[in-house]
Amino acid sequence: MNTTMNDTLNQLKFVLITGLSGAGKTETVRILEDLGYFCVDNLPPALIPKFAELCIQSEGKINHVALVCDIRGRGFFDHLIEVLEDLEESGFAYEILFLEASDEALVRRFKESRRRHPLLPEGSVLDGIRQERHRLQELRGRAHRVMDTSAITPRQLRQELHRLFGEAASHKTMTVSVISFGYKHGLPLDADLAIDVRFLPNPHYVESLAPFTGNDPPVRDYVLKWSVTQRFLQKLLDLIEFLLPQYVKEGKQELVIAIGCTGGQHRSVTIANYVADFVREQGYVVNVEHRGILQRV
């Protein structure tokens, strides 16, 4: 293996998700996908070495991978341990995340979802759980991490996975959309936070500024020059700086901040651009949209 391949192999984070049916594998893979992992569900174990080889050959384009392998693979699943041993012999590093839960929790989840157990589709759910637990005993012993999901909420699961595997993305994974709008057109339905800036001095009543928008330097300078604007921005940015990591901790993937003035063309545009620049400086991905200008056009 050449130097480039070795470097790629060292950078590759390869997580195998397995465990008991109903323990949360589907939700786990969704969360890891949100964290930037390339995810594949129910891959036959025999294909894992070839898939790993393709990831290495991507030369860093795919460097965080999560695979789900479980008893849905039926006869193919029986060869998983052999495949893992072959990977180890070839120097390929991986991590096994094994999800489990109590019999009571699993039975309750199966009854709530009205699903049959994949091992005993015509039999008792509890018997299927016990058979599966016995069948996965050796694999559980090989696991690098065992997570009991009996009593944790989806939010707690997301937080724990963020803690364990969040290196695939920036620690600030949330996307922030900053929208300017005009109240005369209505409040945006998708807004999480709505800020009213109609109290600021209005360039609309300055004849030379009225034809322009908050994207134009003369309007921007006019809105920002007032002491009330500067005091407001200081308080607003302090609030936003406090809130953003709290939303990330909550597991929020997208936050929409709406800034509104009367027509959505002057004050709200200026403030929205200012806020967007600040949020971008904090390391978040930012989208900006000026709906009042679009509606005018």
C-alpha atoms as a PDB file:
ATOM      1  CA  MET A   1       0.000   0.000   0.000  1.00  0.00           C
ATOM      2  CA  ASN A   2       1.510   3.350  -1.057  1.00  0.00           C
ATOM      3  CA  THR A   3       1.937   6.435   1.137  1.00  0.00           C
ATOM      4  CA  THR A   4      -1.198   8.118  -0.202  1.00  0.00           C
ATOM      5  CA  MET A   5      -3.264   5.023   0.516  1.00  0.00           C
ATOM      6  CA  ASN A   6      -1.807   4.812   4.026  1.00  0.00           C
ATOM      7  CA  ASP A   7      -2.661   8.460   4.705  1.00  0.00           C
ATOM      8  CA  THR A   8      -6.221   7.938   3.459  1.00  0.00           C
ATOM      9  CA  LEU A   9      -6.568   4.786   5.556  1.00  0.00           C
ATOM     10  CA  ASN A  10      -5.412   6.649   8.665  1.00  0.00           C
ATOM     11  CA  GLN A  11      -7.974   9.389   8.047  1.00  0.00           C
ATOM     12  CA  LEU A  12     -10.870   7.017   7.425  1.00  0.00           C
ATOM     13  CA  LYS A  13     -13.368   6.695  10.286  1.00  0.00           C
ATOM     14  CA  PHE A  14     -15.246   3.437   9.746  1.00  0.00           C
ATOM     15  CA  VAL A  15     -18.123   2.630  12.112  1.00  0.00           C
ATOM     16  CA  LEU A  16     -20.098  -0.601  12.022  1.00  0.00           C
ATOM     17  CA  ILE A  17     -23.530  -0.251  13.638  1.00  0.00           C
ATOM     18  CA  THR A  18     -25.146  -3.462  14.790  1.00  0.00           C
ATOM     19  CA  GLY A  19     -27.173  -4.818  17.669  1.00  0.00           C
ATOM     20  CA  LEU A  20     -30.658  -5.906  18.596  1.00  0.00           C
ATOM     21  CA  SER A  21     -33.678  -5.234  16.440  1.00  0.00           C
ATOM     22  CA  GLY A  22     -35.623  -2.315  17.864  1.00  0.00           C
ATOM     23  CA  ALA A  23     -32.632  -0.905  19.776  1.00  0.00           C
ATOM     24  CA  GLY A  24     -32.362   2.228  17.635  1.00  0.00           C
ATOM     25  CA  LYS A  25     -30.086   1.413  14.699  1.00  0.00           C
ATOM     26  CA  THR A  26     -32.261   3.259  12.178  1.00  0.00           C
ATOM     27  CA  GLU A  27     -32.316   6.441  14.256  1.00  0.00           C
ATOM     28  CA  THR A  28     -28.588   6.129  14.906  1.00  0.00           C
ATOM     29  CA  VAL A  29     -27.709   5.969  11.232  1.00  0.00           C
ATOM     30  CA  ARG A  30     -29.902   9.010  10.551  1.00  0.00           C
ATOM     31  CA  ILE A  31     -28.061  10.991  13.199  1.00  0.00           C
ATOM     32  CA  LEU A  32     -24.654   9.949  11.878  1.00  0.00           C
ATOM     33  CA  GLU A  33     -25.765  10.952   8.393  1.00  0.00           C
ATOM     34  CA  ASP A  34     -26.594  14.397   9.789  1.00  0.00           C
ATOM     35  CA  LEU A  35     -23.082  14.470  11.253  1.00  0.00           C
ATOM     36  CA  GLY A  36     -21.572  14.018   7.807  1.00  0.00           C
ATOM     37  CA  TYR A  37     -21.090  10.255   7.688  1.00  0.00           C
ATOM     38  CA  PHE A  38     -21.609   8.347   4.448  1.00  0.00           C
ATOM     39  CA  CYS A  39     -24.155   5.762   5.588  1.00  0.00           C
ATOM     40  CA  VAL A  40     -25.212   2.420   4.152  1.00  0.00           C
ATOM     41  CA  ASP A  41     -27.979   0.357   5.728  1.00  0.00           C
ATOM     42  CA  ASN A  42     -28.084  -3.452   5.668  1.00  0.00           C
ATOM     43  CA  LEU A  43     -24.927  -4.029   3.629  1.00  0.00           C
ATOM     44  CA  PRO A  44     -24.123  -7.765   3.268  1.00  0.00           C
ATOM     45  CA  PRO A  45     -20.913  -8.456   5.217  1.00  0.00           C
ATOM     46  CA  ALA A  46     -19.222 -10.040   2.197  1.00  0.00           C
ATOM     47  CA  LEU A  47     -19.327  -6.652   0.468  1.00  0.00           C
ATOM     48  CA  ILE A  48     -17.692  -4.729   3.326  1.00  0.00           C
ATOM     49  CA  PRO A  49     -14.057  -5.260   2.176  1.00  0.00           C
ATOM     50  CA  LYS A  50     -14.861  -4.080  -1.345  1.00  0.00           C
ATOM     51  CA  PHE A  51     -16.776  -1.103  -0.006  1.00  0.00           C
ATOM     52  CA  ALA A  52     -13.894  -0.227   2.331  1.00  0.00           C
ATOM     53  CA  GLU A  53     -11.519  -0.410  -0.629  1.00  0.00           C
ATOM     54  CA  LEU A  54     -13.704   2.012  -2.603  1.00  0.00           C
ATOM     55  CA  CYS A  55     -13.686   4.436   0.328  1.00  0.00           C
ATOM     56  CA  ILE A  56      -9.898   4.334   0.473  1.00  0.00           C
ATOM     57  CA  GLN A  57      -9.664   4.881  -3.285  1.00  0.00           C
ATOM     58  CA  SER A  58     -11.830   7.979  -2.988  1.00  0.00           C
ATOM     59  CA  GLU A  59      -8.686   9.751  -1.703  1.00  0.00           C
ATOM     60  CA  GLY A  60     -10.387  11.531   1.164  1.00  0.00           C
ATOM     61  CA  LYS A  61     -13.721  12.281  -0.518  1.00  0.00           C
ATOM     62  CA  ILE A  62     -15.312   9.680   1.741  1.00  0.00           C
ATOM     63  CA  ASN A  63     -13.547   9.624   5.108  1.00  0.00           C
ATOM     64  CA  HIS A  64     -16.389   9.055   7.571  1.00  0.00           C
ATOM     65  CA  VAL A  65     -18.468   5.928   6.978  1.00  0.00           C
ATOM     66  CA  ALA A  66     -21.181   4.178   8.961  1.00  0.00           C
ATOM     67  CA  LEU A  67     -22.541   0.768   7.981  1.00  0.00           C
ATOM     68  CA  VAL A  68     -25.490  -1.086   9.468  1.00  0.00           C
ATOM     69  CA  CYS A  69     -25.205  -4.865   9.524  1.00  0.00           C
ATOM     70  CA  ASP A  70     -27.705  -6.947  11.435  1.00  0.00           C
ATOM     71  CA  ILE A  71     -29.791 -10.094  11.259  1.00  0.00           C
ATOM     72  CA  ARG A  72     -31.865  -8.706   8.402  1.00  0.00           C
ATOM     73  CA  GLY A  73     -28.942  -9.952   6.305  1.00  0.00           C
ATOM     74  CA  ARG A  74     -30.088 -13.479   7.158  1.00  0.00           C
ATOM     75  CA  GLY A  75     -27.514 -16.066   6.047  1.00  0.00           C
ATOM     76  CA  PHE A  76     -25.112 -13.361   4.900  1.00  0.00           C
ATOM     77  CA  PHE A  77     -24.913 -11.985   8.439  1.00  0.00           C
ATOM     78  CA  ASP A  78     -23.342 -15.204   9.755  1.00  0.00           C
ATOM     79  CA  HIS A  79     -20.106 -14.337   7.951  1.00  0.00           C
ATOM     80  CA  LEU A  80     -19.699 -10.915   9.572  1.00  0.00           C
ATOM     81  CA  ILE A  81     -17.123 -11.960  12.169  1.00  0.00           C
ATOM     82  CA  GLU A  82     -15.022 -13.689   9.517  1.00  0.00           C
ATOM     83  CA  VAL A  83     -15.084 -10.543   7.412  1.00  0.00           C
ATOM     84  CA  LEU A  84     -14.068  -8.403  10.386  1.00  0.00           C
ATOM     85  CA  GLU A  85     -11.139 -10.703  11.137  1.00  0.00           C
ATOM     86  CA  ASP A  86      -9.975 -10.383   7.524  1.00  0.00           C
ATOM     87  CA  LEU A  87     -10.177  -6.596   7.787  1.00  0.00           C
ATOM     88  CA  GLU A  88      -8.049  -6.638  10.931  1.00  0.00           C
ATOM     89  CA  GLU A  89      -5.418  -8.815   9.269  1.00  0.00           C
ATOM     90  CA  SER A  90      -5.194  -6.354   6.382  1.00  0.00           C
ATOM     91  CA  GLY A  91      -4.600  -3.462   8.803  1.00  0.00           C
ATOM     92  CA  PHE A  92      -7.996  -1.858   8.307  1.00  0.00           C
ATOM     93  CA  ALA A  93      -9.267  -0.090  11.428  1.00  0.00           C
ATOM     94  CA  TYR A  94     -12.948  -0.008  12.299  1.00  0.00           C
ATOM     95  CA  GLU A  95     -15.185   0.549  15.286  1.00  0.00           C
ATOM     96  CA  ILE A  96     -18.227  -1.492  16.269  1.00  0.00           C
ATOM     97  CA  LEU A  97     -21.152   0.304  17.899  1.00  0.00           C
ATOM     98  CA  PHE A  98     -23.496  -2.261  19.415  1.00  0.00           C
ATOM     99  CA  LEU A  99     -26.993  -1.123  20.368  1.00  0.00           C
ATOM    100  CA  GLU A 100     -29.093  -3.043  22.845  1.00  0.00           C
ATOM    101  CA  ALA A 101     -32.043  -2.558  25.178  1.00  0.00           C
ATOM    102  CA  SER A 102     -33.925  -4.503  27.818  1.00  0.00           C
ATOM    103  CA  ASP A 103     -36.441  -7.151  26.815  1.00  0.00           C
ATOM    104  CA  GLU A 104     -39.225  -4.994  28.224  1.00  0.00           C
ATOM    105  CA  ALA A 105     -38.207  -1.950  26.192  1.00  0.00           C
ATOM    106  CA  LEU A 106     -37.839  -3.958  22.981  1.00  0.00           C
ATOM    107  CA  VAL A 107     -41.185  -5.708  23.391  1.00  0.00           C
ATOM    108  CA  ARG A 108     -42.871  -2.357  23.996  1.00  0.00           C
ATOM    109  CA  ARG A 109     -41.284  -0.854  20.869  1.00  0.00           C
ATOM    110  CA  PHE A 110     -42.319  -3.783  18.702  1.00  0.00           C
ATOM    111  CA  LYS A 111     -45.888  -3.553  19.976  1.00  0.00           C
ATOM    112  CA  GLU A 112     -45.999   0.220  19.438  1.00  0.00           C
ATOM    113  CA  SER A 113     -44.738  -0.122  15.873  1.00  0.00           C
ATOM    114  CA  ARG A 114     -46.838  -3.259  15.237  1.00  0.00           C
ATOM    115  CA  ARG A 115     -43.838  -4.927  13.652  1.00  0.00           C
ATOM    116  CA  ARG A 116     -42.938  -8.588  13.818  1.00  0.00           C
ATOM    117  CA  HIS A 117     -39.524  -9.690  14.968  1.00  0.00           C
ATOM    118  CA  PRO A 118     -37.340 -10.479  11.910  1.00  0.00           C
ATOM    119  CA  LEU A 119     -36.078 -13.747  13.406  1.00  0.00           C
ATOM    120  CA  LEU A 120     -39.547 -15.086  14.275  1.00  0.00           C
ATOM    121  CA  PRO A 121     -42.072 -13.291  12.071  1.00  0.00           C
ATOM    122  CA  GLU A 122     -44.748 -15.849  12.948  1.00  0.00           C
ATOM    123  CA  GLY A 123     -43.801 -16.349  16.587  1.00  0.00           C
ATOM    124  CA  SER A 124     -43.462 -14.541  19.875  1.00  0.00           C
ATOM    125  CA  VAL A 125     -41.641 -11.187  19.824  1.00  0.00           C
ATOM    126  CA  LEU A 126     -40.006 -12.023  23.142  1.00  0.00           C
ATOM    127  CA  ASP A 127     -38.744 -15.369  21.833  1.00  0.00           C
ATOM    128  CA  GLY A 128     -37.301 -13.581  18.803  1.00  0.00           C
ATOM    129  CA  ILE A 129     -35.531 -11.040  21.015  1.00  0.00           C
ATOM    130  CA  ARG A 130     -33.999 -13.764  23.159  1.00  0.00           C
ATOM    131  CA  GLN A 131     -32.834 -15.757  20.154  1.00  0.00           C
ATOM    132  CA  GLU A 132     -31.320 -12.649  18.610  1.00  0.00           C
ATOM    133  CA  ARG A 133     -29.566 -11.710  21.852  1.00  0.00           C
ATOM    134  CA  HIS A 134     -27.993 -15.171  22.019  1.00  0.00           C
ATOM    135  CA  ARG A 135     -27.011 -15.084  18.366  1.00  0.00           C
ATOM    136  CA  LEU A 136     -25.281 -11.705  18.732  1.00  0.00           C
ATOM    137  CA  GLN A 137     -23.424 -12.578  21.920  1.00  0.00           C
ATOM    138  CA  GLU A 138     -20.017 -13.033  20.265  1.00  0.00           C
ATOM    139  CA  LEU A 139     -20.390  -9.872  18.198  1.00  0.00           C
ATOM    140  CA  ARG A 140     -21.326  -7.910  21.297  1.00  0.00           C
ATOM    141  CA  GLY A 141     -18.133  -9.131  22.918  1.00  0.00           C
ATOM    142  CA  ARG A 142     -16.143  -7.668  20.034  1.00  0.00           C
ATOM    143  CA  ALA A 143     -17.875  -4.297  20.174  1.00  0.00           C
ATOM    144  CA  HIS A 144     -15.832  -1.204  20.951  1.00  0.00           C
ATOM    145  CA  ARG A 145     -18.897   0.598  22.301  1.00  0.00           C
ATOM    146  CA  VAL A 146     -22.087  -0.909  23.715  1.00  0.00           C
ATOM    147  CA  MET A 147     -25.004   1.476  24.129  1.00  0.00           C
ATOM    148  CA  ASP A 148     -28.126   0.571  26.072  1.00  0.00           C
ATOM    149  CA  THR A 149     -31.031   2.593  24.680  1.00  0.00           C
ATOM    150  CA  SER A 150     -33.690   1.258  27.083  1.00  0.00           C
ATOM    151  CA  ALA A 151     -34.260   4.516  28.929  1.00  0.00           C
ATOM    152  CA  ILE A 152     -32.821   7.238  26.703  1.00  0.00           C
ATOM    153  CA  THR A 153     -34.853   9.650  24.620  1.00  0.00           C
ATOM    154  CA  PRO A 154     -34.150  10.415  20.923  1.00  0.00           C
ATOM    155  CA  ARG A 155     -32.704  13.754  22.051  1.00  0.00           C
ATOM    156  CA  GLN A 156     -30.329  12.037  24.488  1.00  0.00           C
ATOM    157  CA  LEU A 157     -29.313   9.555  21.791  1.00  0.00           C
ATOM    158  CA  ARG A 158     -28.479  12.418  19.437  1.00  0.00           C
ATOM    159  CA  GLN A 159     -26.453  14.180  22.126  1.00  0.00           C
ATOM    160  CA  GLU A 160     -24.468  11.045  22.922  1.00  0.00           C
ATOM    161  CA  LEU A 161     -23.743  10.306  19.262  1.00  0.00           C
ATOM    162  CA  HIS A 162     -22.684  13.910  18.750  1.00  0.00           C
ATOM    163  CA  ARG A 163     -20.262  13.481  21.636  1.00  0.00           C
ATOM    164  CA  LEU A 164     -18.866  10.189  20.353  1.00  0.00           C
ATOM    165  CA  PHE A 165     -18.787  10.746  16.606  1.00  0.00           C
ATOM    166  CA  GLY A 166     -19.160  14.481  16.028  1.00  0.00           C
ATOM    167  CA  GLU A 167     -15.670  14.861  14.585  1.00  0.00           C
ATOM    168  CA  ALA A 168     -17.063  14.187  11.082  1.00  0.00           C
ATOM    169  CA  ALA A 169     -18.326  17.729  10.961  1.00  0.00           C
ATOM    170  CA  SER A 170     -17.629  21.022  12.601  1.00  0.00           C
ATOM    171  CA  HIS A 171     -18.741  21.184  16.216  1.00  0.00           C
ATOM    172  CA  LYS A 172     -21.172  23.782  14.911  1.00  0.00           C
ATOM    173  CA  THR A 173     -23.252  21.549  12.668  1.00  0.00           C
ATOM    174  CA  MET A 174     -26.322  23.757  12.507  1.00  0.00           C
ATOM    175  CA  THR A 175     -27.158  25.768   9.385  1.00  0.00           C
ATOM    176  CA  VAL A 176     -28.436  29.283  10.049  1.00  0.00           C
ATOM    177  CA  SER A 177     -30.736  31.048   7.588  1.00  0.00           C
ATOM    178  CA  VAL A 178     -31.080  34.801   8.040  1.00  0.00           C
ATOM    179  CA  ILE A 179     -34.124  36.256   6.292  1.00  0.00           C
ATOM    180  CA  SER A 180     -35.197  39.870   5.884  1.00  0.00           C
ATOM    181  CA  PHE A 181     -38.884  40.503   5.283  1.00  0.00           C
ATOM    182  CA  GLY A 182     -41.576  43.167   5.292  1.00  0.00           C
ATOM    183  CA  TYR A 183     -44.361  42.974   7.856  1.00  0.00           C
ATOM    184  CA  LYS A 184     -46.807  44.266   5.254  1.00  0.00           C
ATOM    185  CA  HIS A 185     -46.210  40.988   3.390  1.00  0.00           C
ATOM    186  CA  GLY A 186     -46.697  38.861   6.503  1.00  0.00           C
ATOM    187  CA  LEU A 187     -44.453  37.079   8.990  1.00  0.00           C
ATOM    188  CA  PRO A 188     -42.392  34.196   7.480  1.00  0.00           C
ATOM    189  CA  LEU A 189     -43.974  30.879   8.449  1.00  0.00           C
ATOM    190  CA  ASP A 190     -40.600  29.165   8.764  1.00  0.00           C
ATOM    191  CA  ALA A 191     -39.090  31.658  11.242  1.00  0.00           C
ATOM    192  CA  ASP A 192     -37.714  30.316  14.526  1.00  0.00           C
ATOM    193  CA  LEU A 193     -36.782  33.788  15.762  1.00  0.00           C
ATOM    194  CA  ALA A 194     -38.491  36.954  14.495  1.00  0.00           C
ATOM    195  CA  ILE A 195     -36.899  40.339  15.212  1.00  0.00           C
ATOM    196  CA  ASP A 196     -38.854  43.560  14.571  1.00  0.00           C
ATOM    197  CA  VAL A 197     -36.608  46.512  13.562  1.00  0.00           C
ATOM    198  CA  ARG A 198     -39.370  48.955  12.652  1.00  0.00           C
ATOM    199  CA  PHE A 199     -38.268  51.204  15.550  1.00  0.00           C
ATOM    200  CA  LEU A 200     -35.018  52.117  13.732  1.00  0.00           C
ATOM    201  CA  PRO A 201     -34.766  55.333  11.654  1.00  0.00           C
ATOM    202  CA  ASN A 202     -36.319  54.634   8.250  1.00  0.00           C
ATOM    203  CA  PRO A 203     -34.367  55.427   5.056  1.00  0.00           C
ATOM    204  CA  HIS A 204     -37.613  55.229   3.096  1.00  0.00           C
ATOM    205  CA  TYR A 205     -38.348  58.798   4.163  1.00  0.00           C
ATOM    206  CA  VAL A 206     -34.994  60.078   2.902  1.00  0.00           C
ATOM    207  CA  GLU A 207     -35.633  60.979  -0.728  1.00  0.00           C
ATOM    208  CA  SER A 208     -32.149  60.128  -1.935  1.00  0.00           C
ATOM    209  CA  LEU A 209     -32.184  56.710  -0.229  1.00  0.00           C
ATOM    210  CA  ALA A 210     -35.725  55.511  -0.905  1.00  0.00           C
ATOM    211  CA  PRO A 211     -34.957  53.935  -4.320  1.00  0.00           C
ATOM    212  CA  PHE A 212     -32.124  51.831  -2.880  1.00  0.00           C
ATOM    213  CA  THR A 213     -32.110  48.794  -0.582  1.00  0.00           C
ATOM    214  CA  GLY A 214     -30.175  47.715   2.461  1.00  0.00           C
ATOM    215  CA  ASN A 215     -27.712  45.976   0.162  1.00  0.00           C
ATOM    216  CA  ASP A 216     -26.526  49.390  -1.050  1.00  0.00           C
ATOM    217  CA  PRO A 217     -23.804  51.181   0.959  1.00  0.00           C
ATOM    218  CA  PRO A 218     -25.689  54.522   1.352  1.00  0.00           C
ATOM    219  CA  VAL A 219     -28.675  52.792   2.968  1.00  0.00           C
ATOM    220  CA  ARG A 220     -26.491  50.503   5.059  1.00  0.00           C
ATOM    221  CA  ASP A 221     -24.447  53.440   6.355  1.00  0.00           C
ATOM    222  CA  TYR A 222     -27.599  55.399   7.175  1.00  0.00           C
ATOM    223  CA  VAL A 223     -29.162  52.570   9.168  1.00  0.00           C
ATOM    224  CA  LEU A 224     -25.978  51.731  11.057  1.00  0.00           C
ATOM    225  CA  LYS A 225     -24.916  55.282  11.958  1.00  0.00           C
ATOM    226  CA  TRP A 226     -27.501  55.785  14.718  1.00  0.00           C
ATOM    227  CA  SER A 227     -26.635  55.132  18.346  1.00  0.00           C
ATOM    228  CA  VAL A 228     -29.927  53.289  18.830  1.00  0.00           C
ATOM    229  CA  THR A 229     -28.920  50.893  16.032  1.00  0.00           C
ATOM    230  CA  GLN A 230     -25.539  50.217  17.629  1.00  0.00           C
ATOM    231  CA  ARG A 231     -27.068  49.591  21.061  1.00  0.00           C
ATOM    232  CA  PHE A 232     -29.669  47.303  19.528  1.00  0.00           C
ATOM    233  CA  LEU A 233     -27.059  45.313  17.573  1.00  0.00           C
ATOM    234  CA  GLN A 234     -24.924  44.841  20.647  1.00  0.00           C
ATOM    235  CA  LYS A 235     -27.836  43.348  22.575  1.00  0.00           C
ATOM    236  CA  LEU A 236     -29.081  41.302  19.603  1.00  0.00           C
ATOM    237  CA  LEU A 237     -25.673  39.802  18.828  1.00  0.00           C
ATOM    238  CA  ASP A 238     -25.121  38.956  22.491  1.00  0.00           C
ATOM    239  CA  LEU A 239     -28.427  37.103  22.454  1.00  0.00           C
ATOM    240  CA  ILE A 240     -27.623  35.257  19.225  1.00  0.00           C
ATOM    241  CA  GLU A 241     -24.149  34.329  20.449  1.00  0.00           C
ATOM    242  CA  PHE A 242     -25.729  32.804  23.555  1.00  0.00           C
ATOM    243  CA  LEU A 243     -28.527  30.997  21.718  1.00  0.00           C
ATOM    244  CA  LEU A 244     -26.634  29.341  18.870  1.00  0.00           C
ATOM    245  CA  PRO A 245     -24.661  26.782  20.939  1.00  0.00           C
ATOM    246  CA  GLN A 246     -27.788  26.061  22.966  1.00  0.00           C
ATOM    247  CA  TYR A 247     -29.642  25.129  19.780  1.00  0.00           C
ATOM    248  CA  VAL A 248     -26.704  22.990  18.652  1.00  0.00           C
ATOM    249  CA  LYS A 249     -26.728  21.223  22.019  1.00  0.00           C
ATOM    250  CA  GLU A 250     -30.452  20.629  21.561  1.00  0.00           C
ATOM    251  CA  GLY A 251     -29.684  18.870  18.270  1.00  0.00           C
ATOM    252  CA  LYS A 252     -31.279  21.476  16.018  1.00  0.00           C
ATOM    253  CA  GLN A 253     -30.088  21.157  12.416  1.00  0.00           C
ATOM    254  CA  GLU A 254     -31.404  24.430  10.995  1.00  0.00           C
ATOM    255  CA  LEU A 255     -32.248  27.777  12.573  1.00  0.00           C
ATOM    256  CA  VAL A 256     -34.179  30.523  10.757  1.00  0.00           C
ATOM    257  CA  ILE A 257     -33.705  34.088  12.028  1.00  0.00           C
ATOM    258  CA  ALA A 258     -36.153  36.538  10.445  1.00  0.00           C
ATOM    259  CA  ILE A 259     -35.512  40.296  10.581  1.00  0.00           C
ATOM    260  CA  GLY A 260     -38.525  42.430   9.695  1.00  0.00           C
ATOM    261  CA  CYS A 261     -39.263  46.065   8.914  1.00  0.00           C
ATOM    262  CA  THR A 262     -42.280  47.652   7.222  1.00  0.00           C
ATOM    263  CA  GLY A 263     -41.500  46.937   3.583  1.00  0.00           C
ATOM    264  CA  GLY A 264     -38.542  44.556   3.932  1.00  0.00           C
ATOM    265  CA  GLN A 265     -36.228  46.620   1.715  1.00  0.00           C
ATOM    266  CA  HIS A 266     -34.085  48.917   3.874  1.00  0.00           C
ATOM    267  CA  ARG A 267     -33.666  48.409   7.631  1.00  0.00           C
ATOM    268  CA  SER A 268     -34.341  44.671   7.757  1.00  0.00           C
ATOM    269  CA  VAL A 269     -31.960  44.012   4.853  1.00  0.00           C
ATOM    270  CA  THR A 270     -29.157  45.976   6.486  1.00  0.00           C
ATOM    271  CA  ILE A 271     -29.608  44.292   9.865  1.00  0.00           C
ATOM    272  CA  ALA A 272     -29.992  40.824   8.303  1.00  0.00           C
ATOM    273  CA  ASN A 273     -26.700  41.231   6.435  1.00  0.00           C
ATOM    274  CA  TYR A 274     -25.001  42.414   9.616  1.00  0.00           C
ATOM    275  CA  VAL A 275     -26.349  39.472  11.619  1.00  0.00           C
ATOM    276  CA  ALA A 276     -25.384  37.003   8.865  1.00  0.00           C
ATOM    277  CA  ASP A 277     -21.793  38.275   8.872  1.00  0.00           C
ATOM    278  CA  PHE A 278     -21.627  37.894  12.644  1.00  0.00           C
ATOM    279  CA  VAL A 279     -23.026  34.346  12.618  1.00  0.00           C
ATOM    280  CA  ARG A 280     -20.644  33.382   9.817  1.00  0.00           C
ATOM    281  CA  GLU A 281     -17.735  34.624  11.925  1.00  0.00           C
ATOM    282  CA  GLN A 282     -18.849  32.221  14.663  1.00  0.00           C
ATOM    283  CA  GLY A 283     -18.170  29.321  12.290  1.00  0.00           C
ATOM    284  CA  TYR A 284     -21.686  28.427  11.160  1.00  0.00           C
ATOM    285  CA  VAL A 285     -22.924  27.823   7.633  1.00  0.00           C
ATOM    286  CA  VAL A 286     -25.150  30.795   6.790  1.00  0.00           C
ATOM    287  CA  ASN A 287     -27.784  31.355   4.119  1.00  0.00           C
ATOM    288  CA  VAL A 288     -29.176  34.844   3.484  1.00  0.00           C
ATOM    289  CA  GLU A 289     -32.491  35.670   1.807  1.00  0.00           C
ATOM    290  CA  HIS A 290     -34.132  39.062   1.317  1.00  0.00           C
ATOM    291  CA  ARG A 291     -37.804  38.322   0.741  1.00  0.00           C
ATOM    292  CA  GLY A 292     -38.979  41.924   0.706  1.00  0.00           C
ATOM    293  CA  ILE A 293     -36.638  42.752  -2.180  1.00  0.00           C
ATOM    294  CA  LEU A 294     -37.772  39.664  -4.076  1.00  0.00           C
ATOM    295  CA  GLN A 295     -41.422  40.621  -3.570  1.00  0.00           C
ATOM    296  CA  ARG A 296     -40.723  44.139  -4.792  1.00  0.00           C
ATOM    297  CA  VAL A 297     -39.130  42.775  -7.956  1.00  0.00           C
END
